[in-house]
């Protein structure tokens, strides 16, 4: 039988998870996506030259 947390503990854990996702993971993923896109543009310009 699965172990169930008391409602108070579960709510604290959910809040902590939500704050971690919104304060840490979303900004980190945004930076990684933008940096990756910039790197792809940079590499393509090195290979194909600047846009005309």
PDB file of N, CA and C in Angstrom:
ATOM      1  N   UNK A   1       0.852  -1.190   0.000  1.00  0.00           N
ATOM      2  CA  UNK A   1       0.000   0.000   0.000  1.00  0.00           C
ATOM      3  C   UNK A   1       0.888   1.241   0.000  1.00  0.00           C
ATOM      4  N   UNK A   2       0.640   2.202  -0.887  1.00  0.00           N
ATOM      5  CA  UNK A   2       1.499   3.385  -0.962  1.00  0.00           C
ATOM      6  C   UNK A   2       1.375   4.258   0.278  1.00  0.00           C
ATOM      7  N   UNK A   3       2.498   4.870   0.616  1.00  0.00           N
ATOM      8  CA  UNK A   3       2.537   5.761   1.779  1.00  0.00           C
ATOM      9  C   UNK A   3       1.981   7.119   1.372  1.00  0.00           C
ATOM     10  N   UNK A   4       1.022   7.623   2.134  1.00  0.00           N
ATOM     11  CA  UNK A   4       0.458   8.939   1.830  1.00  0.00           C
ATOM     12  C   UNK A   4       0.876   9.931   2.902  1.00  0.00           C
ATOM     13  N   UNK A   5       1.294  11.115   2.451  1.00  0.00           N
ATOM     14  CA  UNK A   5       1.712  12.161   3.377  1.00  0.00           C
ATOM     15  C   UNK A   5       0.493  12.821   3.981  1.00  0.00           C
ATOM     16  N   UNK A   6       0.647  13.364   5.180  1.00  0.00           N
ATOM     17  CA  UNK A   6      -0.444  14.172   5.713  1.00  0.00           C
ATOM     18  C   UNK A   6      -0.672  15.383   4.804  1.00  0.00           C
ATOM     19  N   UNK A   7      -1.877  15.897   4.765  1.00  0.00           N
ATOM     20  CA  UNK A   7      -2.174  17.014   3.847  1.00  0.00           C
ATOM     21  C   UNK A   7      -1.250  18.215   4.045  1.00  0.00           C
ATOM     22  N   UNK A   8      -0.899  18.541   5.287  1.00  0.00           N
ATOM     23  CA  UNK A   8      -0.047  19.709   5.547  1.00  0.00           C
ATOM     24  C   UNK A   8       1.348  19.506   4.941  1.00  0.00           C
ATOM     25  N   UNK A   9       1.911  18.331   5.133  1.00  0.00           N
ATOM     26  CA  UNK A   9       3.242  18.043   4.582  1.00  0.00           C
ATOM     27  C   UNK A   9       3.194  18.036   3.061  1.00  0.00           C
ATOM     28  N   UNK A  10       2.152  17.502   2.505  1.00  0.00           N
ATOM     29  CA  UNK A  10       2.016  17.437   1.054  1.00  0.00           C
ATOM     30  C   UNK A  10       1.893  18.837   0.459  1.00  0.00           C
ATOM     31  N   UNK A  11       1.143  19.711   1.116  1.00  0.00           N
ATOM     32  CA  UNK A  11       0.995  21.078   0.609  1.00  0.00           C
ATOM     33  C   UNK A  11       2.321  21.823   0.659  1.00  0.00           C
ATOM     34  N   UNK A  12       3.093  21.633   1.729  1.00  0.00           N
ATOM     35  CA  UNK A  12       4.402  22.290   1.822  1.00  0.00           C
ATOM     36  C   UNK A  12       5.330  21.789   0.724  1.00  0.00           C
ATOM     37  N   UNK A  13       5.285  20.487   0.471  1.00  0.00           N
ATOM     38  CA  UNK A  13       6.133  19.917  -0.569  1.00  0.00           C
ATOM     39  C   UNK A  13       5.726  20.423  -1.948  1.00  0.00           C
ATOM     40  N   UNK A  14       4.434  20.529  -2.189  1.00  0.00           N
ATOM     41  CA  UNK A  14       3.959  21.061  -3.472  1.00  0.00           C
ATOM     42  C   UNK A  14       4.361  22.516  -3.643  1.00  0.00           C
ATOM     43  N   UNK A  15       4.261  23.310  -2.592  1.00  0.00           N
ATOM     44  CA  UNK A  15       4.656  24.721  -2.665  1.00  0.00           C
ATOM     45  C   UNK A  15       6.150  24.833  -2.933  1.00  0.00           C
ATOM     46  N   UNK A  16       6.937  24.029  -2.249  1.00  0.00           N
ATOM     47  CA  UNK A  16       8.386  24.052  -2.457  1.00  0.00           C
ATOM     48  C   UNK A  16       8.726  23.652  -3.886  1.00  0.00           C
ATOM     49  N   UNK A  17       8.058  22.653  -4.419  1.00  0.00           N
ATOM     50  CA  UNK A  17       8.293  22.223  -5.797  1.00  0.00           C
ATOM     51  C   UNK A  17       7.897  23.323  -6.775  1.00  0.00           C
ATOM     52  N   UNK A  18       6.769  23.959  -6.542  1.00  0.00           N
ATOM     53  CA  UNK A  18       6.312  25.044  -7.412  1.00  0.00           C
ATOM     54  C   UNK A  18       7.304  26.203  -7.405  1.00  0.00           C
ATOM     55  N   UNK A  19       7.759  26.591  -6.226  1.00  0.00           N
ATOM     56  CA  UNK A  19       8.715  27.700  -6.136  1.00  0.00           C
ATOM     57  C   UNK A  19      10.031  27.343  -6.808  1.00  0.00           C
ATOM     58  N   UNK A  20      10.486  26.104  -6.643  1.00  0.00           N
ATOM     59  CA  UNK A  20      11.718  25.681  -7.299  1.00  0.00           C
ATOM     60  C   UNK A  20      11.570  25.744  -8.815  1.00  0.00           C
ATOM     61  N   UNK A  21      10.435  25.263  -9.323  1.00  0.00           N
ATOM     62  CA  UNK A  21      10.227  25.284 -10.768  1.00  0.00           C
ATOM     63  C   UNK A  21      10.164  26.707 -11.309  1.00  0.00           C
ATOM     64  N   UNK A  22       9.434  27.584 -10.621  1.00  0.00           N
ATOM     65  CA  UNK A  22       9.249  28.935 -11.148  1.00  0.00           C
ATOM     66  C   UNK A  22      10.467  29.830 -10.915  1.00  0.00           C
ATOM     67  N   UNK A  23      11.195  29.639  -9.826  1.00  0.00           N
ATOM     68  CA  UNK A  23      12.306  30.535  -9.509  1.00  0.00           C
ATOM     69  C   UNK A  23      13.644  30.035 -10.033  1.00  0.00           C
ATOM     70  N   UNK A  24      13.776  28.730 -10.293  1.00  0.00           N
ATOM     71  CA  UNK A  24      15.068  28.181 -10.688  1.00  0.00           C
ATOM     72  C   UNK A  24      15.013  27.565 -12.087  1.00  0.00           C
ATOM     73  N   UNK A  25      14.106  26.643 -12.287  1.00  0.00           N
ATOM     74  CA  UNK A  25      14.126  25.874 -13.530  1.00  0.00           C
ATOM     75  C   UNK A  25      13.698  26.678 -14.759  1.00  0.00           C
ATOM     76  N   UNK A  26      12.650  27.469 -14.649  1.00  0.00           N
ATOM     77  CA  UNK A  26      12.183  28.229 -15.817  1.00  0.00           C
ATOM     78  C   UNK A  26      13.234  29.247 -16.271  1.00  0.00           C
ATOM     79  N   UNK A  27      13.816  30.055 -15.366  1.00  0.00           N
ATOM     80  CA  UNK A  27      14.871  30.964 -15.831  1.00  0.00           C
ATOM     81  C   UNK A  27      16.087  30.222 -16.392  1.00  0.00           C
ATOM     82  N   UNK A  28      16.484  29.128 -15.758  1.00  0.00           N
ATOM     83  CA  UNK A  28      17.635  28.377 -16.250  1.00  0.00           C
ATOM     84  C   UNK A  28      17.365  27.814 -17.640  1.00  0.00           C
ATOM     85  N   UNK A  29      16.193  27.238 -17.851  1.00  0.00           N
ATOM     86  CA  UNK A  29      15.864  26.703 -19.168  1.00  0.00           C
ATOM     87  C   UNK A  29      15.760  27.808 -20.210  1.00  0.00           C
ATOM     88  N   UNK A  30      15.255  28.972 -19.813  1.00  0.00           N
ATOM     89  CA  UNK A  30      15.168  30.097 -20.743  1.00  0.00           C
ATOM     90  C   UNK A  30      16.556  30.536 -21.192  1.00  0.00           C
ATOM     91  N   UNK A  31      17.479  30.632 -20.256  1.00  0.00           N
ATOM     92  CA  UNK A  31      18.856  31.016 -20.592  1.00  0.00           C
ATOM     93  C   UNK A  31      19.483  29.971 -21.510  1.00  0.00           C
ATOM     94  N   UNK A  32      19.273  28.699 -21.223  1.00  0.00           N
ATOM     95  CA  UNK A  32      19.848  27.636 -22.047  1.00  0.00           C
ATOM     96  C   UNK A  32      19.285  27.684 -23.466  1.00  0.00           C
ATOM     97  N   UNK A  33      17.983  27.906 -23.603  1.00  0.00           N
ATOM     98  CA  UNK A  33      17.366  27.957 -24.932  1.00  0.00           C
ATOM     99  C   UNK A  33      17.889  29.153 -25.723  1.00  0.00           C
ATOM    100  N   UNK A  34      17.946  30.325 -25.103  1.00  0.00           N
ATOM    101  CA  UNK A  34      18.416  31.522 -25.807  1.00  0.00           C
ATOM    102  C   UNK A  34      19.893  31.390 -26.166  1.00  0.00           C
ATOM    103  N   UNK A  35      20.700  30.872 -25.240  1.00  0.00           N
ATOM    104  CA  UNK A  35      22.126  30.683 -25.528  1.00  0.00           C
ATOM    105  C   UNK A  35      22.324  29.664 -26.639  1.00  0.00           C
ATOM    106  N   UNK A  36      21.557  28.602 -26.624  1.00  0.00           N
ATOM    107  CA  UNK A  36      21.659  27.601 -27.680  1.00  0.00           C
ATOM    108  C   UNK A  36      21.280  28.162 -29.039  1.00  0.00           C
ATOM    109  N   UNK A  37      20.223  28.955 -29.068  1.00  0.00           N
ATOM    110  CA  UNK A  37      19.811  29.574 -30.327  1.00  0.00           C
ATOM    111  C   UNK A  37      20.890  30.533 -30.835  1.00  0.00           C
ATOM    112  N   UNK A  38      21.441  31.328 -29.936  1.00  0.00           N
ATOM    113  CA  UNK A  38      22.523  32.240 -30.319  1.00  0.00           C
ATOM    114  C   UNK A  38      23.739  31.493 -30.837  1.00  0.00           C
ATOM    115  N   UNK A  39      24.072  30.376 -30.206  1.00  0.00           N
ATOM    116  CA  UNK A  39      25.208  29.569 -30.657  1.00  0.00           C
ATOM    117  C   UNK A  39      24.962  29.010 -32.052  1.00  0.00           C
ATOM    118  N   UNK A  40      23.742  28.556 -32.298  1.00  0.00           N
ATOM    119  CA  UNK A  40      23.406  28.021 -33.628  1.00  0.00           C
ATOM    120  C   UNK A  40      23.532  29.116 -34.689  1.00  0.00           C
ATOM    121  N   UNK A  41      23.033  30.305 -34.393  1.00  0.00           N
ATOM    122  CA  UNK A  41      23.150  31.420 -35.339  1.00  0.00           C
ATOM    123  C   UNK A  41      24.613  31.763 -35.583  1.00  0.00           C
ATOM    124  N   UNK A  42      25.395  31.821 -34.520  1.00  0.00           N
ATOM    125  CA  UNK A  42      26.816  32.153 -34.623  1.00  0.00           C
ATOM    126  C   UNK A  42      27.552  31.128 -35.498  1.00  0.00           C
ATOM    127  N   UNK A  43      27.323  29.847 -35.235  1.00  0.00           N
ATOM    128  CA  UNK A  43      27.988  28.789 -36.008  1.00  0.00           C
ATOM    129  C   UNK A  43      27.548  28.830 -37.472  1.00  0.00           C
ATOM    130  N   UNK A  44      26.264  29.078 -37.715  1.00  0.00           N
ATOM    131  CA  UNK A  44      25.805  29.117 -39.104  1.00  0.00           C
ATOM    132  C   UNK A  44      26.428  30.294 -39.851  1.00  0.00           C
ATOM    133  N   UNK A  45      26.651  31.412 -39.152  1.00  0.00           N
ATOM    134  CA  UNK A  45      27.283  32.557 -39.804  1.00  0.00           C
ATOM    135  C   UNK A  45      28.768  32.308 -40.045  1.00  0.00           C
ATOM    136  N   UNK A  46      29.416  31.551 -39.177  1.00  0.00           N
ATOM    137  CA  UNK A  46      30.809  31.194 -39.412  1.00  0.00           C
ATOM    138  C   UNK A  46      30.946  30.319 -40.654  1.00  0.00           C
ATOM    139  N   UNK A  47      30.005  29.416 -40.855  1.00  0.00           N
ATOM    140  CA  UNK A  47      30.064  28.479 -41.980  1.00  0.00           C
ATOM    141  C   UNK A  47      29.576  29.133 -43.271  1.00  0.00           C
ATOM    142  N   UNK A  48      28.464  29.841 -43.226  1.00  0.00           N
ATOM    143  CA  UNK A  48      27.842  30.371 -44.453  1.00  0.00           C
ATOM    144  C   UNK A  48      28.117  31.851 -44.690  1.00  0.00           C
ATOM    145  N   UNK A  49      28.735  32.516 -43.749  1.00  0.00           N
ATOM    146  CA  UNK A  49      29.000  33.940 -43.911  1.00  0.00           C
ATOM    147  C   UNK A  49      27.840  34.751 -43.366  1.00  0.00           C
ATOM    148  N   UNK A  50      28.043  36.069 -43.258  1.00  0.00           N
ATOM    149  CA  UNK A  50      26.982  36.929 -42.718  1.00  0.00           C
ATOM    150  C   UNK A  50      25.794  37.009 -43.665  1.00  0.00           C
ATOM    151  N   UNK A  51      24.620  37.344 -43.122  1.00  0.00           N
ATOM    152  CA  UNK A  51      23.440  37.468 -43.986  1.00  0.00           C
ATOM    153  C   UNK A  51      23.579  38.653 -44.939  1.00  0.00           C
ATOM    154  N   UNK A  52      22.959  38.515 -46.122  1.00  0.00           N
ATOM    155  CA  UNK A  52      23.025  39.596 -47.125  1.00  0.00           C
ATOM    156  C   UNK A  52      21.709  40.299 -47.212  1.00  0.00           C
TER     157      UNK A  52
END
